[in-house]
PDB file of N, CA and C in Angstrom:
ATOM      1  N   UNK A   1       8.611  40.830 -73.444  1.00  0.00           N
ATOM      2  CA  UNK A   1       7.235  40.634 -73.861  1.00  0.00           C
ATOM      3  C   UNK A   1       6.755  41.841 -74.653  1.00  0.00           C
ATOM      4  N   UNK A   2       5.918  41.586 -75.632  1.00  0.00           N
ATOM      5  CA  UNK A   2       5.320  42.713 -76.339  1.00  0.00           C
ATOM      6  C   UNK A   2       4.239  43.334 -75.446  1.00  0.00           C
ATOM      7  N   UNK A   3       3.743  44.474 -75.862  1.00  0.00           N
ATOM      8  CA  UNK A   3       2.814  45.228 -75.018  1.00  0.00           C
ATOM      9  C   UNK A   3       1.570  44.418 -74.650  1.00  0.00           C
ATOM     10  N   UNK A   4       1.000  43.704 -75.607  1.00  0.00           N
ATOM     11  CA  UNK A   4      -0.214  42.924 -75.318  1.00  0.00           C
ATOM     12  C   UNK A   4       0.045  41.874 -74.245  1.00  0.00           C
ATOM     13  N   UNK A   5       1.192  41.213 -74.308  1.00  0.00           N
ATOM     14  CA  UNK A   5       1.511  40.196 -73.312  1.00  0.00           C
ATOM     15  C   UNK A   5       1.852  40.821 -71.953  1.00  0.00           C
ATOM     16  N   UNK A   6       2.483  41.977 -71.959  1.00  0.00           N
ATOM     17  CA  UNK A   6       2.754  42.668 -70.702  1.00  0.00           C
ATOM     18  C   UNK A   6       1.447  43.029 -70.009  1.00  0.00           C
ATOM     19  N   UNK A   7       0.515  43.565 -70.776  1.00  0.00           N
ATOM     20  CA  UNK A   7      -0.787  43.945 -70.213  1.00  0.00           C
ATOM     21  C   UNK A   7      -1.527  42.711 -69.711  1.00  0.00           C
ATOM     22  N   UNK A   8      -1.489  41.633 -70.469  1.00  0.00           N
ATOM     23  CA  UNK A   8      -2.141  40.395 -70.051  1.00  0.00           C
ATOM     24  C   UNK A   8      -1.570  39.895 -68.721  1.00  0.00           C
ATOM     25  N   UNK A   9      -0.248  39.891 -68.607  1.00  0.00           N
ATOM     26  CA  UNK A   9       0.389  39.434 -67.367  1.00  0.00           C
ATOM     27  C   UNK A   9       0.030  40.346 -66.196  1.00  0.00           C
ATOM     28  N   UNK A  10       0.057  41.657 -66.416  1.00  0.00           N
ATOM     29  CA  UNK A  10      -0.257  42.585 -65.332  1.00  0.00           C
ATOM     30  C   UNK A  10      -1.735  42.563 -64.960  1.00  0.00           C
ATOM     31  N   UNK A  11      -2.597  42.245 -65.892  1.00  0.00           N
ATOM     32  CA  UNK A  11      -4.020  42.075 -65.542  1.00  0.00           C
ATOM     33  C   UNK A  11      -4.195  40.895 -64.595  1.00  0.00           C
ATOM     34  N   UNK A  12      -3.441  39.827 -64.826  1.00  0.00           N
ATOM     35  CA  UNK A  12      -3.518  38.664 -63.930  1.00  0.00           C
ATOM     36  C   UNK A  12      -2.996  39.031 -62.534  1.00  0.00           C
ATOM     37  N   UNK A  13      -1.898  39.762 -62.483  1.00  0.00           N
ATOM     38  CA  UNK A  13      -1.355  40.207 -61.189  1.00  0.00           C
ATOM     39  C   UNK A  13      -2.369  41.113 -60.490  1.00  0.00           C
ATOM     40  N   UNK A  14      -2.952  42.048 -61.237  1.00  0.00           N
ATOM     41  CA  UNK A  14      -3.941  42.976 -60.676  1.00  0.00           C
ATOM     42  C   UNK A  14      -5.156  42.218 -60.133  1.00  0.00           C
ATOM     43  N   UNK A  15      -5.605  41.185 -60.858  1.00  0.00           N
ATOM     44  CA  UNK A  15      -6.755  40.387 -60.409  1.00  0.00           C
ATOM     45  C   UNK A  15      -6.446  39.703 -59.077  1.00  0.00           C
ATOM     46  N   UNK A  16      -5.238  39.216 -58.913  1.00  0.00           N
ATOM     47  CA  UNK A  16      -4.850  38.587 -57.652  1.00  0.00           C
ATOM     48  C   UNK A  16      -4.845  39.620 -56.518  1.00  0.00           C
ATOM     49  N   UNK A  17      -4.308  40.798 -56.796  1.00  0.00           N
ATOM     50  CA  UNK A  17      -4.309  41.854 -55.783  1.00  0.00           C
ATOM     51  C   UNK A  17      -5.739  42.249 -55.427  1.00  0.00           C
ATOM     52  N   UNK A  18      -6.583  42.363 -56.435  1.00  0.00           N
ATOM     53  CA  UNK A  18      -7.988  42.722 -56.187  1.00  0.00           C
ATOM     54  C   UNK A  18      -8.717  41.649 -55.381  1.00  0.00           C
ATOM     55  N   UNK A  19      -8.219  40.408 -55.458  1.00  0.00           N
ATOM     56  CA  UNK A  19      -8.805  39.305 -54.693  1.00  0.00           C
ATOM     57  C   UNK A  19      -8.264  39.249 -53.269  1.00  0.00           C
ATOM     58  N   UNK A  20      -7.384  40.193 -52.922  1.00  0.00           N
ATOM     59  CA  UNK A  20      -6.868  40.262 -51.565  1.00  0.00           C
ATOM     60  C   UNK A  20      -5.541  39.555 -51.353  1.00  0.00           C
ATOM     61  N   UNK A  21      -4.950  39.058 -52.415  1.00  0.00           N
ATOM     62  CA  UNK A  21      -3.658  38.392 -52.309  1.00  0.00           C
ATOM     63  C   UNK A  21      -2.531  39.401 -52.459  1.00  0.00           C
ATOM     64  N   UNK A  22      -1.383  39.092 -51.899  1.00  0.00           N
ATOM     65  CA  UNK A  22      -0.204  39.942 -52.098  1.00  0.00           C
ATOM     66  C   UNK A  22       0.280  39.760 -53.530  1.00  0.00           C
ATOM     67  N   UNK A  23       0.703  40.846 -54.144  1.00  0.00           N
ATOM     68  CA  UNK A  23       1.190  40.781 -55.519  1.00  0.00           C
ATOM     69  C   UNK A  23       2.352  41.749 -55.677  1.00  0.00           C
ATOM     70  N   UNK A  24       3.437  41.248 -56.233  1.00  0.00           N
ATOM     71  CA  UNK A  24       4.614  42.066 -56.487  1.00  0.00           C
ATOM     72  C   UNK A  24       5.032  41.832 -57.926  1.00  0.00           C
ATOM     73  N   UNK A  25       5.344  42.901 -58.633  1.00  0.00           N
ATOM     74  CA  UNK A  25       5.816  42.783 -60.017  1.00  0.00           C
ATOM     75  C   UNK A  25       6.990  43.733 -60.206  1.00  0.00           C
ATOM     76  N   UNK A  26       7.996  43.272 -60.904  1.00  0.00           N
ATOM     77  CA  UNK A  26       9.124  44.128 -61.272  1.00  0.00           C
ATOM     78  C   UNK A  26       8.835  44.642 -62.678  1.00  0.00           C
ATOM     79  N   UNK A  27       8.650  45.952 -62.782  1.00  0.00           N
ATOM     80  CA  UNK A  27       8.244  46.569 -64.045  1.00  0.00           C
ATOM     81  C   UNK A  27       9.152  47.765 -64.302  1.00  0.00           C
ATOM     82  N   UNK A  28       9.650  47.872 -65.509  1.00  0.00           N
ATOM     83  CA  UNK A  28      10.566  48.960 -65.846  1.00  0.00           C
ATOM     84  C   UNK A  28       9.897  50.064 -66.657  1.00  0.00           C
ATOM     85  N   UNK A  29       8.629  49.921 -66.970  1.00  0.00           N
ATOM     86  CA  UNK A  29       7.893  50.917 -67.752  1.00  0.00           C
ATOM     87  C   UNK A  29       6.950  51.682 -66.828  1.00  0.00           C
ATOM     88  N   UNK A  30       7.233  52.965 -66.575  1.00  0.00           N
ATOM     89  CA  UNK A  30       6.375  53.708 -65.648  1.00  0.00           C
ATOM     90  C   UNK A  30       4.924  53.814 -66.111  1.00  0.00           C
ATOM     91  N   UNK A  31       4.677  53.716 -67.405  1.00  0.00           N
ATOM     92  CA  UNK A  31       3.299  53.772 -67.892  1.00  0.00           C
ATOM     93  C   UNK A  31       2.512  52.533 -67.476  1.00  0.00           C
ATOM     94  N   UNK A  32       3.155  51.375 -67.500  1.00  0.00           N
ATOM     95  CA  UNK A  32       2.481  50.162 -67.039  1.00  0.00           C
ATOM     96  C   UNK A  32       2.286  50.187 -65.531  1.00  0.00           C
ATOM     97  N   UNK A  33       3.265  50.714 -64.814  1.00  0.00           N
ATOM     98  CA  UNK A  33       3.121  50.864 -63.366  1.00  0.00           C
ATOM     99  C   UNK A  33       1.920  51.754 -63.063  1.00  0.00           C
ATOM    100  N   UNK A  34       1.837  52.881 -63.751  1.00  0.00           N
ATOM    101  CA  UNK A  34       0.730  53.823 -63.521  1.00  0.00           C
ATOM    102  C   UNK A  34      -0.616  53.181 -63.824  1.00  0.00           C
ATOM    103  N   UNK A  35      -0.659  52.304 -64.807  1.00  0.00           N
ATOM    104  CA  UNK A  35      -1.926  51.690 -65.215  1.00  0.00           C
ATOM    105  C   UNK A  35      -2.381  50.573 -64.275  1.00  0.00           C
ATOM    106  N   UNK A  36      -1.438  49.892 -63.599  1.00  0.00           N
ATOM    107  CA  UNK A  36      -1.819  48.685 -62.861  1.00  0.00           C
ATOM    108  C   UNK A  36      -1.519  48.698 -61.368  1.00  0.00           C
ATOM    109  N   UNK A  37      -0.606  49.510 -60.915  1.00  0.00           N
ATOM    110  CA  UNK A  37      -0.161  49.423 -59.512  1.00  0.00           C
ATOM    111  C   UNK A  37      -0.908  50.381 -58.601  1.00  0.00           C
ATOM    112  N   UNK A  38      -0.952  50.017 -57.333  1.00  0.00           N
ATOM    113  CA  UNK A  38      -1.453  50.909 -56.287  1.00  0.00           C
ATOM    114  C   UNK A  38      -0.288  51.601 -55.594  1.00  0.00           C
ATOM    115  N   UNK A  39       0.755  50.840 -55.359  1.00  0.00           N
ATOM    116  CA  UNK A  39       1.955  51.312 -54.660  1.00  0.00           C
ATOM    117  C   UNK A  39       3.155  51.082 -55.571  1.00  0.00           C
ATOM    118  N   UNK A  40       4.194  51.900 -55.380  1.00  0.00           N
ATOM    119  CA  UNK A  40       5.393  51.757 -56.202  1.00  0.00           C
ATOM    120  C   UNK A  40       6.621  51.963 -55.328  1.00  0.00           C
ATOM    121  N   UNK A  41       7.681  51.248 -55.681  1.00  0.00           N
ATOM    122  CA  UNK A  41       8.983  51.378 -55.037  1.00  0.00           C
ATOM    123  C   UNK A  41       9.982  51.657 -56.146  1.00  0.00           C
ATOM    124  N   UNK A  42      10.613  52.819 -56.109  1.00  0.00           N
ATOM    125  CA  UNK A  42      11.619  53.171 -57.116  1.00  0.00           C
ATOM    126  C   UNK A  42      12.999  52.858 -56.567  1.00  0.00           C
ATOM    127  N   UNK A  43      13.750  52.017 -57.285  1.00  0.00           N
ATOM    128  CA  UNK A  43      15.096  51.633 -56.887  1.00  0.00           C
ATOM    129  C   UNK A  43      16.095  52.083 -57.939  1.00  0.00           C
ATOM    130  N   UNK A  44      17.220  52.589 -57.478  1.00  0.00           N
ATOM    131  CA  UNK A  44      18.335  52.922 -58.369  1.00  0.00           C
ATOM    132  C   UNK A  44      19.610  52.428 -57.705  1.00  0.00           C
ATOM    133  N   UNK A  45      20.321  51.550 -58.401  1.00  0.00           N
ATOM    134  CA  UNK A  45      21.553  50.965 -57.868  1.00  0.00           C
ATOM    135  C   UNK A  45      21.329  50.349 -56.489  1.00  0.00           C
ATOM    136  N   UNK A  46      20.174  49.693 -56.307  1.00  0.00           N
ATOM    137  CA  UNK A  46      19.868  49.023 -55.054  1.00  0.00           C
ATOM    138  C   UNK A  46      19.414  49.926 -53.926  1.00  0.00           C
ATOM    139  N   UNK A  47      19.332  51.224 -54.188  1.00  0.00           N
ATOM    140  CA  UNK A  47      18.912  52.188 -53.168  1.00  0.00           C
ATOM    141  C   UNK A  47      17.469  52.626 -53.427  1.00  0.00           C
ATOM    142  N   UNK A  48      16.687  52.711 -52.367  1.00  0.00           N
ATOM    143  CA  UNK A  48      15.309  53.190 -52.495  1.00  0.00           C
ATOM    144  C   UNK A  48      15.336  54.682 -52.783  1.00  0.00           C
ATOM    145  N   UNK A  49      14.736  55.067 -53.904  1.00  0.00           N
ATOM    146  CA  UNK A  49      14.626  56.476 -54.278  1.00  0.00           C
ATOM    147  C   UNK A  49      13.310  57.071 -53.780  1.00  0.00           C
ATOM    148  N   UNK A  50      12.255  56.266 -53.836  1.00  0.00           N
ATOM    149  CA  UNK A  50      10.932  56.729 -53.395  1.00  0.00           C
ATOM    150  C   UNK A  50      10.019  55.518 -53.271  1.00  0.00           C
ATOM    151  N   UNK A  51       8.985  55.663 -52.449  1.00  0.00           N
ATOM    152  CA  UNK A  51       7.981  54.612 -52.342  1.00  0.00           C
ATOM    153  C   UNK A  51       6.685  55.214 -51.846  1.00  0.00           C
ATOM    154  N   UNK A  52       5.591  54.582 -52.232  1.00  0.00           N
ATOM    155  CA  UNK A  52       4.291  55.056 -51.805  1.00  0.00           C
ATOM    156  C   UNK A  52       3.262  54.895 -52.903  1.00  0.00           C
ATOM    157  N   UNK A  53       2.135  55.581 -52.769  1.00  0.00           N
ATOM    158  CA  UNK A  53       1.088  55.506 -53.789  1.00  0.00           C
ATOM    159  C   UNK A  53       1.606  56.005 -55.136  1.00  0.00           C
ATOM    160  N   UNK A  54       1.159  55.356 -56.192  1.00  0.00           N
ATOM    161  CA  UNK A  54       1.607  55.700 -57.544  1.00  0.00           C
ATOM    162  C   UNK A  54       1.427  57.190 -57.820  1.00  0.00           C
ATOM    163  N   UNK A  55       0.286  57.743 -57.461  1.00  0.00           N
ATOM    164  CA  UNK A  55       0.015  59.152 -57.770  1.00  0.00           C
ATOM    165  C   UNK A  55       0.968  60.100 -57.048  1.00  0.00           C
ATOM    166  N   UNK A  56       1.521  59.672 -55.922  1.00  0.00           N
ATOM    167  CA  UNK A  56       2.471  60.505 -55.183  1.00  0.00           C
ATOM    168  C   UNK A  56       3.907  60.318 -55.662  1.00  0.00           C
ATOM    169  N   UNK A  57       4.249  59.102 -56.060  1.00  0.00           N
ATOM    170  CA  UNK A  57       5.636  58.757 -56.359  1.00  0.00           C
ATOM    171  C   UNK A  57       6.000  58.968 -57.822  1.00  0.00           C
ATOM    172  N   UNK A  58       5.121  58.595 -58.735  1.00  0.00           N
ATOM    173  CA  UNK A  58       5.452  58.732 -60.157  1.00  0.00           C
ATOM    174  C   UNK A  58       5.239  60.170 -60.605  1.00  0.00           C
ATOM    175  N   UNK A  59       6.302  60.934 -60.486  1.00  0.00           N
ATOM    176  CA  UNK A  59       6.301  62.322 -60.935  1.00  0.00           C
ATOM    177  C   UNK A  59       7.444  62.491 -61.917  1.00  0.00           C
ATOM    178  N   UNK A  60       7.368  63.534 -62.718  1.00  0.00           N
ATOM    179  CA  UNK A  60       8.458  63.811 -63.655  1.00  0.00           C
ATOM    180  C   UNK A  60       9.767  63.963 -62.894  1.00  0.00           C
ATOM    181  N   UNK A  61       9.739  64.655 -61.769  1.00  0.00           N
ATOM    182  CA  UNK A  61      10.950  64.886 -60.996  1.00  0.00           C
ATOM    183  C   UNK A  61      11.555  63.575 -60.485  1.00  0.00           C
ATOM    184  N   UNK A  62      10.712  62.699 -59.947  1.00  0.00           N
ATOM    185  CA  UNK A  62      11.206  61.418 -59.427  1.00  0.00           C
ATOM    186  C   UNK A  62      11.772  60.545 -60.546  1.00  0.00           C
ATOM    187  N   UNK A  63      11.105  60.538 -61.694  1.00  0.00           N
ATOM    188  CA  UNK A  63      11.578  59.722 -62.809  1.00  0.00           C
ATOM    189  C   UNK A  63      12.843  60.309 -63.431  1.00  0.00           C
ATOM    190  N   UNK A  64      12.958  61.628 -63.450  1.00  0.00           N
ATOM    191  CA  UNK A  64      14.187  62.256 -63.942  1.00  0.00           C
ATOM    192  C   UNK A  64      15.374  61.869 -63.068  1.00  0.00           C
ATOM    193  N   UNK A  65      15.173  61.871 -61.766  1.00  0.00           N
ATOM    194  CA  UNK A  65      16.231  61.466 -60.838  1.00  0.00           C
ATOM    195  C   UNK A  65      16.566  59.982 -61.026  1.00  0.00           C
ATOM    196  N   UNK A  66      15.542  59.160 -61.189  1.00  0.00           N
ATOM    197  CA  UNK A  66      15.722  57.720 -61.339  1.00  0.00           C
ATOM    198  C   UNK A  66      16.475  57.370 -62.619  1.00  0.00           C
ATOM    199  N   UNK A  67      16.055  57.944 -63.747  1.00  0.00           N
ATOM    200  CA  UNK A  67      16.616  57.575 -65.046  1.00  0.00           C
ATOM    201  C   UNK A  67      17.746  58.485 -65.513  1.00  0.00           C
ATOM    202  N   UNK A  68      17.902  59.639 -64.881  1.00  0.00           N
ATOM    203  CA  UNK A  68      18.919  60.578 -65.329  1.00  0.00           C
ATOM    204  C   UNK A  68      18.599  61.186 -66.677  1.00  0.00           C
ATOM    205  N   UNK A  69      17.313  61.314 -66.968  1.00  0.00           N
ATOM    206  CA  UNK A  69      16.827  61.877 -68.236  1.00  0.00           C
ATOM    207  C   UNK A  69      15.735  62.901 -67.948  1.00  0.00           C
ATOM    208  N   UNK A  70      15.594  63.903 -68.812  1.00  0.00           N
ATOM    209  CA  UNK A  70      14.423  64.777 -68.677  1.00  0.00           C
ATOM    210  C   UNK A  70      13.166  63.996 -69.077  1.00  0.00           C
ATOM    211  N   UNK A  71      12.139  64.085 -68.256  1.00  0.00           N
ATOM    212  CA  UNK A  71      10.908  63.320 -68.464  1.00  0.00           C
ATOM    213  C   UNK A  71       9.729  64.275 -68.640  1.00  0.00           C
ATOM    214  N   UNK A  72       8.900  63.965 -69.622  1.00  0.00           N
ATOM    215  CA  UNK A  72       7.639  64.681 -69.808  1.00  0.00           C
ATOM    216  C   UNK A  72       6.512  63.795 -69.288  1.00  0.00           C
ATOM    217  N   UNK A  73       5.519  64.411 -68.685  1.00  0.00           N
ATOM    218  CA  UNK A  73       4.336  63.652 -68.295  1.00  0.00           C
ATOM    219  C   UNK A  73       3.112  64.420 -68.773  1.00  0.00           C
ATOM    220  N   UNK A  74       2.089  63.653 -69.146  1.00  0.00           N
ATOM    221  CA  UNK A  74       0.866  64.265 -69.651  1.00  0.00           C
ATOM    222  C   UNK A  74      -0.337  63.548 -69.068  1.00  0.00           C
ATOM    223  N   UNK A  75      -1.278  64.318 -68.584  1.00  0.00           N
ATOM    224  CA  UNK A  75      -2.542  63.775 -68.102  1.00  0.00           C
ATOM    225  C   UNK A  75      -3.418  63.524 -69.318  1.00  0.00           C
ATOM    226  N   UNK A  76      -3.772  62.266 -69.541  1.00  0.00           N
ATOM    227  CA  UNK A  76      -4.582  61.922 -70.712  1.00  0.00           C
ATOM    228  C   UNK A  76      -6.048  61.697 -70.360  1.00  0.00           C
ATOM    229  N   UNK A  77      -6.424  62.053 -69.142  1.00  0.00           N
ATOM    230  CA  UNK A  77      -7.815  61.965 -68.724  1.00  0.00           C
ATOM    231  C   UNK A  77      -8.107  60.687 -67.962  1.00  0.00           C
ATOM    232  N   UNK A  78      -9.228  60.673 -67.303  1.00  0.00           N
ATOM    233  CA  UNK A  78      -9.697  59.527 -66.515  1.00  0.00           C
ATOM    234  C   UNK A  78      -8.659  59.107 -65.475  1.00  0.00           C
ATOM    235  N   UNK A  79      -7.900  60.076 -64.959  1.00  0.00           N
ATOM    236  CA  UNK A  79      -6.924  59.785 -63.927  1.00  0.00           C
ATOM    237  C   UNK A  79      -5.662  59.101 -64.420  1.00  0.00           C
ATOM    238  N   UNK A  80      -5.441  59.070 -65.718  1.00  0.00           N
ATOM    239  CA  UNK A  80      -4.260  58.405 -66.263  1.00  0.00           C
ATOM    240  C   UNK A  80      -3.224  59.423 -66.726  1.00  0.00           C
ATOM    241  N   UNK A  81      -1.988  59.192 -66.318  1.00  0.00           N
ATOM    242  CA  UNK A  81      -0.859  60.026 -66.721  1.00  0.00           C
ATOM    243  C   UNK A  81       0.110  59.146 -67.497  1.00  0.00           C
ATOM    244  N   UNK A  82       0.697  59.689 -68.564  1.00  0.00           N
ATOM    245  CA  UNK A  82       1.711  58.938 -69.307  1.00  0.00           C
ATOM    246  C   UNK A  82       3.042  59.668 -69.216  1.00  0.00           C
ATOM    247  N   UNK A  83       4.121  58.908 -69.338  1.00  0.00           N
ATOM    248  CA  UNK A  83       5.482  59.413 -69.156  1.00  0.00           C
ATOM    249  C   UNK A  83       6.324  59.070 -70.372  1.00  0.00           C
ATOM    250  N   UNK A  84       7.217  59.985 -70.744  1.00  0.00           N
ATOM    251  CA  UNK A  84       8.130  59.749 -71.869  1.00  0.00           C
ATOM    252  C   UNK A  84       9.358  60.621 -71.695  1.00  0.00           C
ATOM    253  N   UNK A  85      10.501  60.161 -72.234  1.00  0.00           N
ATOM    254  CA  UNK A  85      11.666  61.025 -72.200  1.00  0.00           C
ATOM    255  C   UNK A  85      11.417  62.244 -73.082  1.00  0.00           C
ATOM    256  N   UNK A  86      11.879  63.392 -72.626  1.00  0.00           N
ATOM    257  CA  UNK A  86      11.761  64.614 -73.441  1.00  0.00           C
ATOM    258  C   UNK A  86      12.778  64.555 -74.564  1.00  0.00           C
ATOM    259  N   UNK A  87      12.399  65.121 -75.683  1.00  0.00           N
ATOM    260  CA  UNK A  87      13.332  65.248 -76.803  1.00  0.00           C
ATOM    261  C   UNK A  87      14.372  66.287 -76.496  1.00  0.00           C
ATOM    262  N   UNK A  88      15.589  66.025 -76.923  1.00  0.00           N
ATOM    263  CA  UNK A  88      16.629  67.047 -76.797  1.00  0.00           C
ATOM    264  C   UNK A  88      16.443  68.052 -77.921  1.00  0.00           C
ATOM    265  N   UNK A  89      16.733  69.336 -77.666  1.00  0.00           N
ATOM    266  CA  UNK A  89      16.563  70.336 -78.729  1.00  0.00           C
ATOM    267  C   UNK A  89      17.537  70.122 -79.873  1.00  0.00           C
TER     268      UNK A  89
END
Protein backbone atom coordinates (compact mmCIF):
# COMPACT_ATOMS: atom_id res chain seq x y z
CA UNK A 1 0.00 0.00 0.00
CA UNK A 2 1.13 3.54 -0.60
CA UNK A 3 1.51 5.83 2.40
CA UNK A 4 -1.96 7.39 2.11
CA UNK A 5 -3.62 3.97 2.09
CA UNK A 6 -1.47 2.72 4.96
CA UNK A 7 -2.49 5.72 7.05
CA UNK A 8 -6.14 5.26 6.09
CA UNK A 9 -6.07 1.60 7.15
CA UNK A 10 -4.30 2.36 10.42
CA UNK A 11 -6.74 5.16 11.22
CA UNK A 12 -9.55 2.61 10.96
CA UNK A 13 -7.67 0.20 13.25
CA UNK A 14 -6.96 3.06 15.70
CA UNK A 15 -10.66 4.06 15.70
CA UNK A 16 -11.63 0.50 16.66
CA UNK A 17 -9.07 0.48 19.47
CA UNK A 18 -10.32 3.86 20.67
CA UNK A 19 -13.84 2.38 20.72
CA UNK A 20 -12.63 -0.27 23.16
CA UNK A 21 -12.22 -3.13 20.71
CA UNK A 22 -9.10 -5.28 20.46
CA UNK A 23 -6.96 -4.33 17.49
CA UNK A 24 -3.83 -5.97 16.14
CA UNK A 25 -1.87 -4.87 13.08
CA UNK A 26 1.30 -6.26 11.55
CA UNK A 27 3.35 -3.24 10.53
CA UNK A 28 6.94 -3.18 9.30
CA UNK A 29 7.43 0.61 9.37
CA UNK A 30 8.42 1.87 12.83
CA UNK A 31 7.23 5.37 11.94
CA UNK A 32 3.69 4.13 11.37
CA UNK A 33 3.86 2.11 14.57
CA UNK A 34 4.97 5.22 16.47
CA UNK A 35 2.12 7.25 14.96
CA UNK A 36 -0.73 4.79 15.63
CA UNK A 37 0.10 2.16 18.25
CA UNK A 38 -0.07 2.16 22.03
CA UNK A 39 1.80 -1.11 22.50
CA UNK A 40 4.38 -2.82 20.29
CA UNK A 41 5.81 -6.32 19.98
CA UNK A 42 9.14 -6.60 18.16
CA UNK A 43 9.77 -10.02 16.59
CA UNK A 44 12.90 -11.27 14.86
CA UNK A 45 12.99 -14.78 13.42
CA UNK A 46 9.92 -15.65 15.50
CA UNK A 47 11.56 -14.57 18.76
CA UNK A 48 10.25 -11.72 20.90
CA UNK A 49 12.89 -9.00 21.02
CA UNK A 50 10.88 -6.48 23.05
CA UNK A 51 7.32 -5.57 23.96
CA UNK A 52 5.54 -2.81 25.78
CA UNK A 53 4.54 0.82 25.31
CA UNK A 54 5.75 2.35 22.05
CA UNK A 55 7.71 5.07 23.85
CA UNK A 56 9.63 2.45 25.84
CA UNK A 57 10.20 -0.12 23.09
CA UNK A 58 10.86 1.89 19.93
CA UNK A 59 14.39 3.06 20.54
CA UNK A 60 17.33 3.34 18.20
CA UNK A 61 19.04 0.53 20.12
CA UNK A 62 16.05 -1.83 19.87
CA UNK A 63 15.58 -1.13 16.17
CA UNK A 64 19.30 -1.57 15.47
CA UNK A 65 19.15 -4.99 17.11
CA UNK A 66 15.94 -5.86 15.24
CA UNK A 67 17.08 -4.78 11.76
CA UNK A 68 20.83 -5.21 12.08
CA UNK A 69 21.32 -1.64 10.84
CA UNK A 70 22.43 1.60 12.48
CA UNK A 71 19.27 3.62 13.14
CA UNK A 72 18.84 7.35 13.63
CA UNK A 73 15.88 8.74 15.51
CA UNK A 74 14.74 12.33 15.73
CA UNK A 75 12.14 14.00 17.91
CA UNK A 76 10.05 16.12 15.55
CA UNK A 77 7.90 17.65 18.28
CA UNK A 78 4.44 17.03 19.69
CA UNK A 79 5.65 13.72 21.11
CA UNK A 80 6.48 12.26 17.70
CA UNK A 81 9.76 10.51 16.93
CA UNK A 82 10.82 9.37 13.46
CA UNK A 83 13.26 6.58 12.60
CA UNK A 84 15.55 6.01 9.61
CA UNK A 85 18.60 3.96 8.76
CA UNK A 86 21.80 5.94 9.22
CA UNK A 87 23.87 6.64 6.15
CA UNK A 88 27.14 4.82 5.89
CA UNK A 89 30.16 7.14 5.69
